[in-house]
Every structure is written in structure tokens, then in C-alpha cells.
Amino acid sequence: FLLDEALLSVVNEVEVLTIELSQKLVENELLGREISLADVEKQYLHFN
């Protein structure tokens, strides 16, 4: 019984960590896109 509870809590923690990690990856991807958009705008303004 105790083993099951310990296992469940570990599984829950792993799930939470996985969710947090995927959210961070999404945030990083969005940041990367914003940065590349800013670069494109700079180049565009520079050439015109």
C-alpha cells in the first residue's frame, strides 16, 4: 500500500515536471520567433 502511494506521488511529480518543461519549451519557441521577427524588421528597415 505504501509502495503504491509512493509510486503514485512520483508519477504525479514527473507529470507536473513534464508539463512545466513543455510549457518552458513553448515559451522558448515563442521567444525565439519574436526575436527572429525583430531581426527581420531590423533588416527590412535597414534596407529601406
PDB file of N, CA and C in Angstrom:
ATOM      1  N   PHE A   1       0.837  -1.210   0.000  1.00  0.00           N
ATOM      2  CA  PHE A   1       0.000   0.000   0.000  1.00  0.00           C
ATOM      3  C   PHE A   1       0.867   1.252   0.000  1.00  0.00           C
ATOM      4  N   LEU A   2       1.836   1.286   0.918  1.00  0.00           N
ATOM      5  CA  LEU A   2       2.721   2.446   0.978  1.00  0.00           C
ATOM      6  C   LEU A   2       3.524   2.592  -0.309  1.00  0.00           C
ATOM      7  N   LEU A   3       3.915   1.457  -0.860  1.00  0.00           N
ATOM      8  CA  LEU A   3       4.684   1.476  -2.104  1.00  0.00           C
ATOM      9  C   LEU A   3       3.855   2.099  -3.225  1.00  0.00           C
ATOM     10  N   ASP A   4       2.586   1.702  -3.280  1.00  0.00           N
ATOM     11  CA  ASP A   4       1.699   2.262  -4.304  1.00  0.00           C
ATOM     12  C   ASP A   4       1.589   3.777  -4.157  1.00  0.00           C
ATOM     13  N   GLU A   5       1.443   4.242  -2.930  1.00  0.00           N
ATOM     14  CA  GLU A   5       1.311   5.684  -2.704  1.00  0.00           C
ATOM     15  C   GLU A   5       2.578   6.406  -3.128  1.00  0.00           C
ATOM     16  N   ALA A   6       3.728   5.841  -2.761  1.00  0.00           N
ATOM     17  CA  ALA A   6       4.999   6.456  -3.136  1.00  0.00           C
ATOM     18  C   ALA A   6       5.126   6.512  -4.653  1.00  0.00           C
ATOM     19  N   LEU A   7       4.761   5.428  -5.293  1.00  0.00           N
ATOM     20  CA  LEU A   7       4.832   5.355  -6.747  1.00  0.00           C
ATOM     21  C   LEU A   7       3.919   6.402  -7.386  1.00  0.00           C
ATOM     22  N   LEU A   8       2.714   6.525  -6.840  1.00  0.00           N
ATOM     23  CA  LEU A   8       1.763   7.498  -7.370  1.00  0.00           C
ATOM     24  C   LEU A   8       2.290   8.919  -7.228  1.00  0.00           C
ATOM     25  N   SER A   9       2.876   9.232  -6.079  1.00  0.00           N
ATOM     26  CA  SER A   9       3.371  10.590  -5.889  1.00  0.00           C
ATOM     27  C   SER A   9       4.538  10.881  -6.828  1.00  0.00           C
ATOM     28  N   VAL A  10       5.374   9.872  -7.068  1.00  0.00           N
ATOM     29  CA  VAL A  10       6.481  10.054  -8.013  1.00  0.00           C
ATOM     30  C   VAL A  10       5.929  10.293  -9.417  1.00  0.00           C
ATOM     31  N   VAL A  11       4.939   9.500  -9.797  1.00  0.00           N
ATOM     32  CA  VAL A  11       4.330   9.661 -11.123  1.00  0.00           C
ATOM     33  C   VAL A  11       3.724  11.052 -11.261  1.00  0.00           C
ATOM     34  N   ASN A  12       3.036  11.508 -10.214  1.00  0.00           N
ATOM     35  CA  ASN A  12       2.434  12.843 -10.251  1.00  0.00           C
ATOM     36  C   ASN A  12       3.501  13.915 -10.415  1.00  0.00           C
ATOM     37  N   GLU A  13       4.600  13.787  -9.672  1.00  0.00           N
ATOM     38  CA  GLU A  13       5.671  14.774  -9.777  1.00  0.00           C
ATOM     39  C   GLU A  13       6.264  14.791 -11.172  1.00  0.00           C
ATOM     40  N   VAL A  14       6.464  13.607 -11.730  1.00  0.00           N
ATOM     41  CA  VAL A  14       7.019  13.524 -13.084  1.00  0.00           C
ATOM     42  C   VAL A  14       6.069  14.186 -14.080  1.00  0.00           C
ATOM     43  N   GLU A  15       4.771  13.954 -13.916  1.00  0.00           N
ATOM     44  CA  GLU A  15       3.792  14.571 -14.817  1.00  0.00           C
ATOM     45  C   GLU A  15       3.853  16.086 -14.710  1.00  0.00           C
ATOM     46  N   VAL A  16       3.922  16.592 -13.485  1.00  0.00           N
ATOM     47  CA  VAL A  16       3.989  18.044 -13.284  1.00  0.00           C
ATOM     48  C   VAL A  16       5.250  18.606 -13.926  1.00  0.00           C
ATOM     49  N   LEU A  17       6.379  17.933 -13.702  1.00  0.00           N
ATOM     50  CA  LEU A  17       7.637  18.386 -14.292  1.00  0.00           C
ATOM     51  C   LEU A  17       7.561  18.377 -15.809  1.00  0.00           C
ATOM     52  N   THR A  18       6.955  17.338 -16.361  1.00  0.00           N
ATOM     53  CA  THR A  18       6.835  17.234 -17.815  1.00  0.00           C
ATOM     54  C   THR A  18       6.008  18.384 -18.367  1.00  0.00           C
ATOM     55  N   ILE A  19       4.914  18.699 -17.677  1.00  0.00           N
ATOM     56  CA  ILE A  19       4.055  19.803 -18.109  1.00  0.00           C
ATOM     57  C   ILE A  19       4.829  21.117 -18.040  1.00  0.00           C
ATOM     58  N   GLU A  20       5.536  21.350 -16.933  1.00  0.00           N
ATOM     59  CA  GLU A  20       6.307  22.583 -16.791  1.00  0.00           C
ATOM     60  C   GLU A  20       7.366  22.684 -17.879  1.00  0.00           C
ATOM     61  N   LEU A  21       8.011  21.556 -18.145  1.00  0.00           N
ATOM     62  CA  LEU A  21       9.066  21.533 -19.152  1.00  0.00           C
ATOM     63  C   LEU A  21       8.502  21.872 -20.527  1.00  0.00           C
ATOM     64  N   SER A  22       7.367  21.281 -20.873  1.00  0.00           N
ATOM     65  CA  SER A  22       6.798  21.543 -22.196  1.00  0.00           C
ATOM     66  C   SER A  22       6.338  22.995 -22.304  1.00  0.00           C
ATOM     67  N   GLN A  23       5.838  23.562 -21.194  1.00  0.00           N
ATOM     68  CA  GLN A  23       5.453  24.971 -21.210  1.00  0.00           C
ATOM     69  C   GLN A  23       6.678  25.846 -21.450  1.00  0.00           C
ATOM     70  N   LYS A  24       7.798  25.495 -20.791  1.00  0.00           N
ATOM     71  CA  LYS A  24       9.026  26.266 -20.983  1.00  0.00           C
ATOM     72  C   LYS A  24       9.501  26.175 -22.426  1.00  0.00           C
ATOM     73  N   LEU A  25       9.404  24.981 -23.003  1.00  0.00           N
ATOM     74  CA  LEU A  25       9.823  24.808 -24.396  1.00  0.00           C
ATOM     75  C   LEU A  25       8.974  25.674 -25.314  1.00  0.00           C
ATOM     76  N   VAL A  26       7.673  25.703 -25.063  1.00  0.00           N
ATOM     77  CA  VAL A  26       6.775  26.526 -25.879  1.00  0.00           C
ATOM     78  C   VAL A  26       7.141  27.993 -25.722  1.00  0.00           C
ATOM     79  N   GLU A  27       7.382  28.432 -24.470  1.00  0.00           N
ATOM     80  CA  GLU A  27       7.763  29.821 -24.231  1.00  0.00           C
ATOM     81  C   GLU A  27       9.053  30.165 -24.962  1.00  0.00           C
ATOM     82  N   ASN A  28      10.031  29.260 -24.892  1.00  0.00           N
ATOM     83  CA  ASN A  28      11.304  29.499 -25.568  1.00  0.00           C
ATOM     84  C   ASN A  28      11.101  29.612 -27.069  1.00  0.00           C
ATOM     85  N   GLU A  29      10.240  28.756 -27.611  1.00  0.00           N
ATOM     86  CA  GLU A  29       9.978  28.781 -29.048  1.00  0.00           C
ATOM     87  C   GLU A  29       9.341  30.109 -29.440  1.00  0.00           C
ATOM     88  N   LEU A  30       8.376  30.560 -28.635  1.00  0.00           N
ATOM     89  CA  LEU A  30       7.717  31.833 -28.916  1.00  0.00           C
ATOM     90  C   LEU A  30       8.716  32.977 -28.815  1.00  0.00           C
ATOM     91  N   LEU A  31       9.577  32.929 -27.794  1.00  0.00           N
ATOM     92  CA  LEU A  31      10.612  33.951 -27.655  1.00  0.00           C
ATOM     93  C   LEU A  31      11.514  33.959 -28.870  1.00  0.00           C
ATOM     94  N   GLY A  32      11.912  32.786 -29.309  1.00  0.00           N
ATOM     95  CA  GLY A  32      12.776  32.671 -30.478  1.00  0.00           C
ATOM     96  C   GLY A  32      12.116  33.275 -31.704  1.00  0.00           C
ATOM     97  N   ARG A  33      10.819  33.039 -31.858  1.00  0.00           N
ATOM     98  CA  ARG A  33      10.100  33.598 -33.005  1.00  0.00           C
ATOM     99  C   ARG A  33      10.046  35.109 -32.908  1.00  0.00           C
ATOM    100  N   GLU A  34       9.788  35.635 -31.709  1.00  0.00           N
ATOM    101  CA  GLU A  34       9.731  37.086 -31.531  1.00  0.00           C
ATOM    102  C   GLU A  34      11.076  37.706 -31.877  1.00  0.00           C
ATOM    103  N   ILE A  35      12.147  37.056 -31.425  1.00  0.00           N
ATOM    104  CA  ILE A  35      13.485  37.573 -31.685  1.00  0.00           C
ATOM    105  C   ILE A  35      13.760  37.569 -33.188  1.00  0.00           C
ATOM    106  N   SER A  36      13.405  36.479 -33.870  1.00  0.00           N
ATOM    107  CA  SER A  36      13.677  36.420 -35.304  1.00  0.00           C
ATOM    108  C   SER A  36      12.800  37.417 -36.062  1.00  0.00           C
ATOM    109  N   LEU A  37      11.582  37.645 -35.579  1.00  0.00           N
ATOM    110  CA  LEU A  37      10.730  38.659 -36.196  1.00  0.00           C
ATOM    111  C   LEU A  37      11.360  40.036 -36.043  1.00  0.00           C
ATOM    112  N   ALA A  38      11.883  40.311 -34.863  1.00  0.00           N
ATOM    113  CA  ALA A  38      12.537  41.594 -34.619  1.00  0.00           C
ATOM    114  C   ALA A  38      13.732  41.758 -35.550  1.00  0.00           C
ATOM    115  N   ASP A  39      14.491  40.686 -35.755  1.00  0.00           N
ATOM    116  CA  ASP A  39      15.640  40.736 -36.661  1.00  0.00           C
ATOM    117  C   ASP A  39      15.186  41.042 -38.080  1.00  0.00           C
ATOM    118  N   VAL A  40      14.115  40.396 -38.505  1.00  0.00           N
ATOM    119  CA  VAL A  40      13.597  40.627 -39.857  1.00  0.00           C
ATOM    120  C   VAL A  40      13.188  42.084 -40.008  1.00  0.00           C
ATOM    121  N   GLU A  41      12.506  42.620 -38.998  1.00  0.00           N
ATOM    122  CA  GLU A  41      12.082  44.020 -39.057  1.00  0.00           C
ATOM    123  C   GLU A  41      13.287  44.945 -39.148  1.00  0.00           C
ATOM    124  N   LYS A  42      14.313  44.668 -38.352  1.00  0.00           N
ATOM    125  CA  LYS A  42      15.521  45.497 -38.381  1.00  0.00           C
ATOM    126  C   LYS A  42      16.146  45.481 -39.770  1.00  0.00           C
ATOM    127  N   GLN A  43      16.266  44.302 -40.341  1.00  0.00           N
ATOM    128  CA  GLN A  43      16.871  44.180 -41.670  1.00  0.00           C
ATOM    129  C   GLN A  43      16.015  44.910 -42.701  1.00  0.00           C
ATOM    130  N   TYR A  44      14.719  44.767 -42.570  1.00  0.00           N
ATOM    131  CA  TYR A  44      13.795  45.402 -43.511  1.00  0.00           C
ATOM    132  C   TYR A  44      13.942  46.921 -43.444  1.00  0.00           C
ATOM    133  N   LEU A  45      13.961  47.453 -42.220  1.00  0.00           N
ATOM    134  CA  LEU A  45      14.102  48.895 -42.042  1.00  0.00           C
ATOM    135  C   LEU A  45      15.471  49.358 -42.522  1.00  0.00           C
ATOM    136  N   HIS A  46      16.465  48.519 -42.324  1.00  0.00           N
ATOM    137  CA  HIS A  46      17.832  48.860 -42.712  1.00  0.00           C
ATOM    138  C   HIS A  46      17.946  48.975 -44.230  1.00  0.00           C
ATOM    139  N   PHE A  47      17.249  48.101 -44.946  1.00  0.00           N
ATOM    140  CA  PHE A  47      17.371  48.075 -46.404  1.00  0.00           C
ATOM    141  C   PHE A  47      16.492  49.127 -47.077  1.00  0.00           C
ATOM    142  N   ASN A  48      15.456  49.597 -46.372  1.00  0.00           N
ATOM    143  CA  ASN A  48      14.568  50.585 -46.996  1.00  0.00           C
ATOM    144  C   ASN A  48      14.863  51.992 -46.517  1.00  0.00           C
TER     145      ASN A  48
END
